[in-house]
Amino acid sequence: MTSCCEIANILKDQGNKALSAGKIDEAIRCYTEALALDPSNHVLFSNRSAAHAKKGNYESALEDACQTIKIKPDWGKGYSRKAAAQEFLGQFEDAKLTYQEGFRQEPTNQQLKEGLQNIEARLAEKKMMNPFSMPNMFEKLEIFLWTPFALKEKELGNEAYKKKDFTTALEHYEEALKHDPTNMTYLSNQAAVFFEKAEYEMCRELCDKAIEVGRENREDYRHIAKALARVGNSYFKQEKYKEAVQFYNKSLTEHRTPDVLKKCQQAEKVLKEQEKLAYINPDQALEEKNKGNESFQKGDYPSAMRHYSEAIKRNPNDAKLFSNRAACYTKLLEFQLALKDCEDCIKLDPTFIKGYTRKAAALEAMKDFSKAMVAYEKALELDSTSKEATEGIQRCMMSQHVRNDDSPEDVKRRAMADPEVQQIMSDPAMRMILEQMQKDPQALSDHLKNPGIAQKIQKLIDVGLIAIR
C-alpha cells in the first residue's frame, strides 16, 4: 500500500515537471495537493513559493518561504526564497536581513552570499530605492529563483553523459540553459557532448558562446580557461596543431594548469616536427652544400658553416653534411660543436670514414690524444689503408711523448683546463682515492676493479696528472 509521503513525492515530481514546462497553475495545484498529504515537507513549500513567484503572486511566495524557514530553519534555500520574494515586493532592507540570517545559518551557501552582496550593492545606490529603476531586475530575480531547477537538469545531463547517452544529456543541458541563461557551464557541457561525438565545429561554436556568456557575467576565469582548452583539444583531435597551440596559450593566459601546459607542449612539439619535415628538400640541400664547399675552399669558414647548416635543415639525414660542418667548426676552433656533428654523422652512417677521422682531428686539437687515437683506429677498421688515420695515430703518439717532457706545472695547467678533469678533481671521493694511491701505490689495482673509478683514473693518466711507472 502506497503511503501518503510516497504519493506526496509523486505529486512533487509532477509539480516540478509542470513548472519546468511553464505550466505554473498545474504546478501550484500539484504542490498544494502534496502538502495536504505531507504538511511538514519544507521542500514542497519552497517549490510552491518558486511557483507563486513565477506567476507574480509575491505575497503568496513570501508566505510559503516563511513556512519553509519555520519547518527547516537551517536550510539556506528557504531564506533565498524569502529574500527573493521580498525583493520583488520592494522590501530591500528586509531582504538584506533575510540574507544575513540565512548566511548565519548556512555560511557556506554561495547563493546566499551572492544575494547578500547584490542587495547591499543595490541599497548603496539611491536609485535602488525604487525597485523598478534597476535594469533587468525581474529577469535577474527570475533566474535566481530558477537556479535550483537548472542545477537539477545539469545533474541529470551529467548522469546521461557518463552513460554515453548524449542525446538525453543535450536535452537536459538545454533545459538547464533555459532556466539559467547566464551560466556558461550549461553551454560548456553541451560543447563537451559534441566533442565526444567528434562534431568539433559544433563543439567550438558552443565554446565560443559559453565564453561570451561567461565574460558578460564575469564568470570565474578558470571556467573561461576550460572552454578555451576544449577548443584547443578539438583542434588537436583534428591534427590542426597550429590552432590548438593558439587556444591552449589563450587558456593558459586565463588560468595555468599542468594538464593544459602539457597538452600545449605536445602540440608545439608535433607542430615543430611538421614544420621541420615540410622544410625538407634534398635538391635545395644539395645547392646549399655546393655553396658551402665553395666557401670552404676559399677559406670563408663562417659562410661555409651557414650553408652547411641550411643544407642540414633541408636534408637532416645526410651524414656527409654533418661531416662537412664538423670540418668548418674545427677550422673555427669550435671543437665541441665539431665533436657533436661527428657523433651525429657516425650515428647516421657508421661506415662513413670521415666521421671518425674528423672526430679524431677535433680530439687531437683538444689534446685528448688517447681518445683521438681510438677514433683513428675506428677509421682504420673501415679502411686499413687510410693514410689520414695512420698519420693521425703517429702524431698523437708523438704528441703524448712530447707532452711527457713538459714541466709538471705545464701538465697540470693544461689538464685543469679540461672540464672533465675539473669534475674528477672536485669529487671528494676521487681526491680520497688519489691520496690513498700516493701513500699506497698497490691500492691502484683494487680501485681499477671499479669500472667508474677506472675510467676516471684513465682520464687522469691520459692528461698526465697520474704517471704509471
Protein backbone atom coordinates (compact mmCIF):
# COMPACT_ATOMS: atom_id res chain seq x y z
CA MET A 1 0.00 0.00 0.00
CA THR A 2 1.40 3.40 -1.02
CA SER A 3 1.95 5.81 1.89
CA CYS A 4 0.91 9.47 1.98
CA CYS A 5 4.55 10.58 1.79
CA GLU A 6 5.15 8.48 -1.30
CA ILE A 7 2.08 9.95 -3.02
CA ALA A 8 3.26 13.42 -1.98
CA ASN A 9 6.66 12.79 -3.61
CA ILE A 10 4.94 11.68 -6.82
CA LEU A 11 2.87 14.88 -6.81
CA LYS A 12 6.03 16.91 -6.11
CA ASP A 13 7.76 15.40 -9.15
CA GLN A 14 4.69 16.15 -11.27
CA GLY A 15 4.75 19.71 -9.99
CA ASN A 16 8.44 20.09 -10.85
CA LYS A 17 7.82 18.86 -14.40
CA ALA A 18 4.86 21.20 -14.80
CA LEU A 19 6.92 24.14 -13.52
CA SER A 20 9.77 23.31 -15.90
CA ALA A 21 7.25 23.21 -18.75
CA GLY A 22 5.85 26.62 -17.77
CA LYS A 23 2.53 25.18 -16.54
CA ILE A 24 2.52 27.24 -13.36
CA ASP A 25 -1.10 26.71 -12.24
CA GLU A 26 -0.75 22.96 -12.61
CA ALA A 27 2.49 23.06 -10.62
CA ILE A 28 0.83 25.02 -7.79
CA ARG A 29 -2.05 22.53 -7.76
CA CYS A 30 0.33 19.55 -7.52
CA TYR A 31 2.35 21.13 -4.70
CA THR A 32 -0.85 22.06 -2.81
CA GLU A 33 -2.23 18.51 -3.08
CA ALA A 34 1.13 17.14 -1.94
CA LEU A 35 1.14 19.46 1.08
CA ALA A 36 -2.28 18.20 2.08
CA LEU A 37 -0.71 14.75 2.37
CA ASP A 38 2.64 15.87 3.83
CA PRO A 39 2.19 19.28 5.53
CA SER A 40 5.63 19.23 7.20
CA ASN A 41 7.59 18.90 3.95
CA HIS A 42 9.70 22.06 3.67
CA VAL A 43 10.73 21.30 0.06
CA LEU A 44 7.08 21.41 -1.06
CA PHE A 45 6.60 24.87 0.47
CA SER A 46 9.87 26.02 -1.13
CA ASN A 47 8.85 24.77 -4.58
CA ARG A 48 5.37 26.29 -4.31
CA SER A 49 7.00 29.58 -3.27
CA ALA A 50 9.00 29.49 -6.51
CA ALA A 51 5.82 28.77 -8.49
CA HIS A 52 3.94 31.67 -6.87
CA ALA A 53 6.87 34.00 -7.61
CA LYS A 54 6.93 32.80 -11.20
CA LYS A 55 3.23 33.66 -11.51
CA GLY A 56 3.74 37.05 -9.87
CA ASN A 57 1.97 36.18 -6.59
CA TYR A 58 4.79 37.55 -4.45
CA GLU A 59 2.77 37.73 -1.21
CA SER A 60 1.94 34.03 -1.52
CA ALA A 61 5.56 33.32 -2.42
CA LEU A 62 6.65 35.12 0.75
CA GLU A 63 4.16 33.19 2.92
CA ASP A 64 5.37 29.84 1.60
CA ALA A 65 9.01 30.88 2.04
CA CYS A 66 8.34 31.84 5.67
CA GLN A 67 6.67 28.47 6.24
CA THR A 68 9.73 26.77 4.70
CA ILE A 69 12.00 28.51 7.20
CA LYS A 70 9.67 27.69 10.08
CA ILE A 71 9.84 23.98 9.28
CA LYS A 72 13.55 23.90 8.36
CA PRO A 73 15.34 26.94 9.87
CA ASP A 74 18.85 25.68 8.98
CA TRP A 75 18.12 25.26 5.26
CA GLY A 76 19.58 28.07 3.17
CA LYS A 77 17.20 27.78 0.25
CA GLY A 78 14.23 28.84 2.40
CA TYR A 79 15.96 32.16 3.09
CA SER A 80 16.78 32.55 -0.61
CA ARG A 81 13.08 32.12 -1.46
CA LYS A 82 12.00 34.59 1.21
CA ALA A 83 14.58 37.22 0.24
CA ALA A 84 13.71 36.89 -3.44
CA ALA A 85 10.01 37.43 -2.71
CA GLN A 86 10.86 40.44 -0.54
CA GLU A 87 12.95 41.93 -3.33
CA PHE A 88 10.05 41.52 -5.75
CA LEU A 89 7.84 43.30 -3.23
CA GLY A 90 10.39 46.12 -2.90
CA GLN A 91 11.26 45.20 0.69
CA PHE A 92 15.00 45.55 0.17
CA GLU A 93 16.04 46.17 3.78
CA ASP A 94 14.00 43.15 4.88
CA ALA A 95 15.55 41.10 2.08
CA LYS A 96 19.01 42.09 3.32
CA LEU A 97 18.15 40.92 6.85
CA THR A 98 16.81 37.65 5.45
CA TYR A 99 20.03 37.03 3.50
CA GLN A 100 22.08 37.80 6.60
CA GLU A 101 20.07 35.41 8.76
CA GLY A 102 20.27 32.69 6.11
CA PHE A 103 24.02 33.17 5.76
CA ARG A 104 24.41 32.82 9.53
CA GLN A 105 22.51 29.54 9.38
CA GLU A 106 24.43 28.23 6.36
CA PRO A 107 27.70 30.19 5.92
CA THR A 108 28.89 28.04 3.00
CA ASN A 109 25.84 28.78 0.84
CA GLN A 110 27.18 30.62 -2.22
CA GLN A 111 23.70 31.61 -3.40
CA LEU A 112 23.01 33.44 -0.14
CA LYS A 113 26.43 35.08 -0.20
CA GLU A 114 25.90 36.41 -3.72
CA GLY A 115 22.36 37.51 -2.88
CA LEU A 116 23.59 39.47 0.12
CA GLN A 117 26.34 41.13 -1.93
CA ASN A 118 23.86 42.10 -4.63
CA ILE A 119 21.29 43.57 -2.22
CA GLU A 120 23.98 45.54 -0.37
CA ALA A 121 25.24 46.96 -3.66
CA ARG A 122 21.69 47.86 -4.64
CA LEU A 123 20.98 49.59 -1.37
CA ALA A 124 24.20 51.58 -1.70
CA GLU A 125 22.75 53.47 -4.63
CA LYS A 126 19.91 55.92 -4.13
CA LYS A 127 18.19 54.94 -7.31
CA MET A 128 17.84 51.46 -5.98
CA MET A 129 15.25 52.73 -3.51
CA ASN A 130 12.91 52.44 -6.47
CA PRO A 131 12.84 48.72 -7.32
CA PHE A 132 11.72 49.42 -10.85
CA SER A 133 14.73 51.61 -11.62
CA MET A 134 17.19 48.72 -11.78
CA PRO A 135 17.67 47.35 -15.32
CA ASN A 136 16.77 43.67 -15.74
CA MET A 137 15.80 43.32 -12.05
CA PHE A 138 12.92 40.98 -12.69
CA GLU A 139 14.92 38.90 -15.16
CA LYS A 140 17.74 38.51 -12.64
CA LEU A 141 15.41 37.56 -9.82
CA GLU A 142 13.62 35.11 -12.05
CA ILE A 143 16.93 33.43 -12.92
CA PHE A 144 17.82 33.38 -9.23
CA LEU A 145 14.57 31.55 -8.44
CA TRP A 146 15.06 29.08 -11.26
CA THR A 147 18.68 28.22 -10.47
CA PRO A 148 17.81 25.05 -8.46
CA PHE A 149 15.88 23.66 -11.44
CA ALA A 150 18.79 24.43 -13.74
CA LEU A 151 21.16 22.60 -11.41
CA LYS A 152 18.83 19.61 -11.31
CA GLU A 153 18.75 19.47 -15.11
CA LYS A 154 22.53 19.71 -15.18
CA GLU A 155 22.83 16.74 -12.80
CA LEU A 156 20.52 14.69 -15.00
CA GLY A 157 22.56 15.72 -18.02
CA ASN A 158 25.78 14.68 -16.31
CA GLU A 159 24.34 11.26 -15.48
CA ALA A 160 23.32 10.73 -19.10
CA TYR A 161 26.73 11.96 -20.30
CA LYS A 162 28.52 9.40 -18.14
CA LYS A 163 26.34 6.69 -19.72
CA LYS A 164 27.25 7.97 -23.21
CA ASP A 165 23.58 8.83 -23.74
CA PHE A 166 24.47 12.06 -25.49
CA THR A 167 21.01 12.84 -26.87
CA THR A 168 19.48 12.81 -23.40
CA ALA A 169 22.41 14.73 -21.96
CA LEU A 170 21.95 17.51 -24.51
CA GLU A 171 18.23 17.74 -23.74
CA HIS A 172 18.91 18.25 -20.04
CA TYR A 173 21.71 20.78 -20.62
CA GLU A 174 19.43 22.75 -22.95
CA GLU A 175 16.70 22.77 -20.30
CA ALA A 176 19.21 23.94 -17.70
CA LEU A 177 20.23 26.78 -20.00
CA LYS A 178 16.60 27.87 -20.39
CA HIS A 179 16.32 28.18 -16.60
CA ASP A 180 19.65 29.99 -16.23
CA PRO A 181 20.91 31.53 -19.50
CA THR A 182 23.61 33.50 -17.65
CA ASN A 183 25.52 30.36 -16.64
CA MET A 184 28.17 29.36 -19.19
CA THR A 185 28.52 25.88 -17.66
CA TYR A 186 25.47 24.57 -19.48
CA LEU A 187 26.88 25.68 -22.83
CA SER A 188 30.28 24.22 -21.95
CA ASN A 189 28.64 20.91 -21.07
CA GLN A 190 26.89 20.85 -24.43
CA ALA A 191 30.24 21.51 -26.09
CA ALA A 192 31.70 18.53 -24.20
CA VAL A 193 28.96 16.31 -25.65
CA PHE A 194 29.74 17.38 -29.22
CA PHE A 195 33.44 16.87 -28.52
CA GLU A 196 32.74 13.25 -27.56
CA LYS A 197 30.64 12.87 -30.71
CA ALA A 198 33.62 14.16 -32.74
CA GLU A 199 31.49 17.06 -34.02
CA TYR A 200 34.27 19.54 -33.46
CA GLU A 201 32.86 22.53 -35.35
CA MET A 202 29.73 22.46 -33.19
CA CYS A 203 31.88 21.96 -30.10
CA ARG A 204 33.87 25.10 -30.89
CA GLU A 205 30.75 27.10 -31.69
CA LEU A 206 29.27 26.28 -28.28
CA CYS A 207 32.57 27.02 -26.54
CA ASP A 208 32.60 30.46 -28.18
CA LYS A 209 29.06 31.11 -26.94
CA ALA A 210 29.99 29.86 -23.46
CA ILE A 211 32.98 32.19 -23.31
CA GLU A 212 30.85 35.11 -24.47
CA VAL A 213 28.23 34.41 -21.78
CA GLY A 214 30.96 33.90 -19.20
CA ARG A 215 32.65 37.21 -19.91
CA GLU A 216 29.32 39.08 -19.93
CA ASN A 217 28.51 37.69 -16.49
CA ARG A 218 32.05 37.91 -15.05
CA GLU A 219 32.41 34.16 -14.77
CA ASP A 220 35.36 32.62 -12.92
CA TYR A 221 38.45 32.80 -15.18
CA ARG A 222 39.02 29.08 -14.61
CA HIS A 223 35.78 28.28 -16.44
CA ILE A 224 36.80 30.55 -19.31
CA ALA A 225 40.17 28.77 -19.44
CA LYS A 226 38.48 25.37 -19.52
CA ALA A 227 36.33 26.35 -22.51
CA LEU A 228 39.37 27.70 -24.36
CA ALA A 229 41.27 24.49 -23.63
CA ARG A 230 38.38 22.46 -25.04
CA VAL A 231 38.63 24.44 -28.28
CA GLY A 232 42.34 23.61 -28.31
CA ASN A 233 41.56 19.92 -27.74
CA SER A 234 39.12 19.91 -30.65
CA TYR A 235 41.80 21.26 -32.98
CA PHE A 236 44.32 18.77 -31.58
CA LYS A 237 41.94 15.92 -32.41
CA GLN A 238 41.74 17.20 -35.99
CA GLU A 239 45.54 17.44 -36.12
CA LYS A 240 45.32 21.21 -36.58
CA TYR A 241 48.19 21.81 -34.21
CA LYS A 242 48.82 25.47 -35.00
CA GLU A 243 45.26 26.39 -33.99
CA ALA A 244 45.49 24.04 -30.99
CA VAL A 245 48.60 25.83 -29.70
CA GLN A 246 46.89 29.18 -30.18
CA PHE A 247 43.92 28.25 -27.98
CA TYR A 248 46.00 26.37 -25.40
CA ASN A 249 48.03 29.53 -24.91
CA LYS A 250 44.85 31.58 -24.56
CA SER A 251 43.66 29.12 -21.92
CA LEU A 252 46.97 29.31 -20.06
CA THR A 253 46.72 33.09 -20.07
CA GLU A 254 43.40 32.85 -18.23
CA HIS A 255 44.48 30.10 -15.82
CA ARG A 256 47.63 27.97 -15.86
CA THR A 257 47.13 24.23 -15.27
CA PRO A 258 49.65 21.37 -15.70
CA ASP A 259 47.34 19.37 -17.99
CA VAL A 260 46.81 22.19 -20.49
CA LEU A 261 50.50 23.14 -20.37
CA LYS A 262 51.48 19.54 -21.15
CA LYS A 263 48.98 19.37 -24.00
CA CYS A 264 50.28 22.66 -25.39
CA GLN A 265 53.86 21.37 -25.28
CA GLN A 266 52.78 18.20 -27.10
CA ALA A 267 51.09 20.23 -29.83
CA GLU A 268 54.12 22.53 -30.14
CA LYS A 269 56.41 19.51 -30.48
CA VAL A 270 54.28 17.97 -33.23
CA LEU A 271 53.94 21.34 -34.96
CA LYS A 272 57.69 21.89 -34.87
CA GLU A 273 58.27 18.42 -36.30
CA GLN A 274 55.73 19.07 -39.06
CA GLU A 275 57.41 22.35 -39.95
CA LYS A 276 60.77 20.61 -39.93
CA LEU A 277 59.51 17.87 -42.27
CA ALA A 278 57.81 20.40 -44.54
CA TYR A 279 61.14 22.23 -44.86
CA ILE A 280 62.99 19.16 -46.14
CA ASN A 281 64.08 19.46 -49.77
CA PRO A 282 67.07 17.33 -50.91
CA ASP A 283 67.54 19.38 -54.09
CA GLN A 284 67.88 22.65 -52.18
CA ALA A 285 70.09 20.84 -49.65
CA LEU A 286 72.46 19.91 -52.48
CA GLU A 287 72.55 23.53 -53.66
CA GLU A 288 73.46 24.73 -50.17
CA LYS A 289 76.08 22.00 -49.82
CA ASN A 290 77.77 23.10 -53.06
CA LYS A 291 77.75 26.72 -51.88
CA GLY A 292 79.28 25.56 -48.60
CA ASN A 293 82.01 23.66 -50.43
CA GLU A 294 82.87 26.76 -52.47
CA SER A 295 83.11 28.91 -49.35
CA PHE A 296 85.21 26.27 -47.56
CA GLN A 297 87.69 26.12 -50.44
CA LYS A 298 88.00 29.92 -50.31
CA GLY A 299 88.71 29.76 -46.58
CA ASP A 300 85.45 31.53 -45.75
CA TYR A 301 84.55 29.12 -42.97
CA PRO A 302 81.73 31.14 -41.32
CA SER A 303 79.93 31.35 -44.65
CA ALA A 304 80.54 27.65 -45.31
CA MET A 305 79.16 26.79 -41.88
CA ARG A 306 75.95 28.75 -42.60
CA HIS A 307 75.43 26.99 -45.94
CA TYR A 308 76.04 23.56 -44.40
CA SER A 309 73.61 24.37 -41.57
CA GLU A 310 70.92 25.31 -44.10
CA ALA A 311 71.65 22.12 -46.04
CA ILE A 312 71.21 20.06 -42.85
CA LYS A 313 67.79 21.66 -42.27
CA ARG A 314 66.84 20.75 -45.83
CA ASN A 315 68.13 17.18 -45.52
CA PRO A 316 68.84 16.17 -41.90
CA ASN A 317 69.52 12.52 -42.79
CA ASP A 318 72.62 13.19 -44.90
CA ALA A 319 75.63 12.15 -42.81
CA LYS A 320 78.10 13.92 -45.13
CA LEU A 321 76.56 17.31 -44.36
CA PHE A 322 77.31 16.87 -40.65
CA SER A 323 80.85 15.81 -41.51
CA ASN A 324 81.37 18.91 -43.65
CA ARG A 325 80.07 21.22 -40.98
CA ALA A 326 82.30 19.50 -38.40
CA ALA A 327 85.28 20.38 -40.59
CA CYS A 328 84.14 24.03 -40.53
CA TYR A 329 83.78 24.02 -36.76
CA THR A 330 87.28 22.58 -36.40
CA LYS A 331 88.68 25.37 -38.59
CA LEU A 332 86.78 27.88 -36.44
CA LEU A 333 88.25 26.24 -33.28
CA GLU A 334 84.75 25.21 -32.12
CA PHE A 335 85.88 21.71 -31.22
CA GLN A 336 82.94 20.72 -29.02
CA LEU A 337 80.49 21.60 -31.81
CA ALA A 338 82.68 19.68 -34.25
CA LEU A 339 82.56 16.61 -32.00
CA LYS A 340 78.77 16.78 -31.79
CA ASP A 341 78.43 16.92 -35.56
CA CYS A 342 80.83 13.98 -35.91
CA GLU A 343 78.75 11.93 -33.47
CA ASP A 344 75.61 12.75 -35.48
CA CYS A 345 77.42 11.81 -38.67
CA ILE A 346 78.53 8.45 -37.25
CA LYS A 347 75.03 7.78 -35.94
CA LEU A 348 73.53 8.36 -39.40
CA ASP A 349 76.22 6.37 -41.23
CA PRO A 350 78.60 4.26 -39.09
CA THR A 351 80.51 3.20 -42.24
CA PHE A 352 81.46 6.74 -43.32
CA ILE A 353 85.16 7.02 -42.51
CA LYS A 354 85.32 10.83 -42.43
CA GLY A 355 83.00 10.83 -39.43
CA TYR A 356 85.79 9.13 -37.44
CA THR A 357 88.79 10.98 -38.89
CA ARG A 358 87.19 14.38 -38.30
CA LYS A 359 86.19 13.34 -34.79
CA ALA A 360 89.79 12.30 -34.18
CA ALA A 361 91.06 15.61 -35.59
CA ALA A 362 88.86 17.58 -33.19
CA LEU A 363 90.02 15.47 -30.24
CA GLU A 364 93.62 15.85 -31.34
CA ALA A 365 93.21 19.62 -31.46
CA MET A 366 91.83 19.46 -27.92
CA LYS A 367 94.99 17.49 -26.96
CA ASP A 368 92.90 14.49 -25.94
CA PHE A 369 95.32 12.18 -27.72
CA SER A 370 94.11 8.90 -26.23
CA LYS A 371 90.54 9.38 -27.46
CA ALA A 372 91.81 10.73 -30.76
CA MET A 373 93.81 7.54 -31.32
CA VAL A 374 90.72 5.43 -30.58
CA ALA A 375 88.79 7.36 -33.25
CA TYR A 376 91.65 6.98 -35.75
CA GLU A 377 91.75 3.25 -35.03
CA LYS A 378 88.00 3.05 -35.78
CA ALA A 379 88.73 4.69 -39.12
CA LEU A 380 91.45 2.10 -39.84
CA GLU A 381 88.95 -0.68 -39.14
CA LEU A 382 86.88 0.70 -42.02
CA ASP A 383 89.88 1.32 -44.29
CA SER A 384 93.21 -0.16 -43.27
CA THR A 385 94.97 1.86 -46.00
CA SER A 386 93.78 5.24 -44.68
CA LYS A 387 96.83 7.48 -44.71
CA GLU A 388 94.97 10.18 -42.72
CA ALA A 389 94.21 7.75 -39.87
CA THR A 390 97.70 6.23 -39.82
CA GLU A 391 99.42 9.61 -39.74
CA GLY A 392 96.94 10.80 -37.10
CA ILE A 393 97.87 7.96 -34.76
CA GLN A 394 101.57 8.69 -35.26
CA ARG A 395 101.05 12.38 -34.46
CA CYS A 396 99.10 11.54 -31.31
CA MET A 397 101.81 9.16 -30.10
CA MET A 398 104.49 11.78 -30.70
CA SER A 399 102.42 14.48 -29.01
CA GLN A 400 101.97 12.30 -25.97
CA HIS A 401 105.73 11.70 -25.82
CA VAL A 402 106.48 15.42 -26.15
CA ARG A 403 103.90 16.25 -23.52
CA ASN A 404 105.61 13.85 -21.13
CA ASP A 405 108.67 16.11 -21.36
CA ASP A 406 106.69 19.15 -20.23
CA SER A 407 107.19 20.57 -16.76
CA PRO A 408 104.73 19.36 -14.08
CA GLU A 409 103.30 22.88 -13.90
CA ASP A 410 102.55 22.91 -17.65
CA VAL A 411 100.95 19.47 -17.49
CA LYS A 412 98.77 20.44 -14.54
CA ARG A 413 97.74 23.78 -16.09
CA ARG A 414 96.77 22.11 -19.38
CA ALA A 415 94.93 19.26 -17.64
CA MET A 416 92.91 21.52 -15.36
CA ALA A 417 91.61 23.39 -18.40
CA ASP A 418 89.66 20.23 -19.27
CA PRO A 419 86.09 20.34 -17.77
CA GLU A 420 86.10 16.57 -17.32
CA VAL A 421 89.31 16.74 -15.30
CA GLN A 422 87.90 19.61 -13.23
CA GLN A 423 84.88 17.47 -12.37
CA ILE A 424 87.02 14.49 -11.39
CA MET A 425 89.32 16.55 -9.20
CA SER A 426 86.39 18.25 -7.44
CA ASP A 427 84.94 14.87 -6.43
CA PRO A 428 85.75 14.32 -2.70
CA ALA A 429 85.71 10.53 -3.15
CA MET A 430 88.22 10.70 -6.00
CA ARG A 431 90.50 13.02 -4.03
CA MET A 432 90.49 10.49 -1.19
CA ILE A 433 91.34 7.68 -3.62
CA LEU A 434 94.22 9.69 -5.11
CA GLU A 435 95.62 10.43 -1.65
CA GLN A 436 95.40 6.72 -0.83
CA MET A 437 97.23 5.84 -4.07
CA GLN A 438 100.06 8.27 -3.16
CA LYS A 439 100.52 6.57 0.20
CA ASP A 440 99.96 3.05 -1.10
CA PRO A 441 100.61 2.57 -4.86
CA GLN A 442 99.35 -1.02 -4.57
CA ALA A 443 95.83 0.34 -3.90
CA LEU A 444 95.60 1.27 -7.59
CA SER A 445 94.91 -2.34 -8.63
CA ASP A 446 91.97 -2.52 -6.22
CA HIS A 447 90.43 0.71 -7.46
CA LEU A 448 90.78 -0.31 -11.10
CA LYS A 449 88.32 -3.13 -10.44
CA ASN A 450 85.58 -0.48 -10.23
CA PRO A 451 84.72 0.49 -13.87
CA GLY A 452 83.61 4.02 -12.96
CA ILE A 453 86.75 4.77 -10.95
CA ALA A 454 88.95 3.05 -13.53
CA GLN A 455 87.57 5.34 -16.25
CA LYS A 456 88.33 8.44 -14.21
CA ILE A 457 91.85 7.24 -13.35
CA GLN A 458 92.49 6.51 -17.03
CA LYS A 459 91.45 10.06 -17.88
CA LEU A 460 93.95 11.44 -15.33
CA ILE A 461 96.63 9.17 -16.80
CA ASP A 462 95.81 10.40 -20.33
CA VAL A 463 96.20 14.06 -19.37
CA GLY A 464 99.43 13.38 -17.49
CA LEU A 465 98.25 14.03 -13.92
CA ILE A 466 98.99 10.42 -12.96
CA ALA A 467 102.16 8.67 -14.10
CA ILE A 468 102.34 4.88 -14.06
CA ARG A 469 105.89 3.54 -13.68
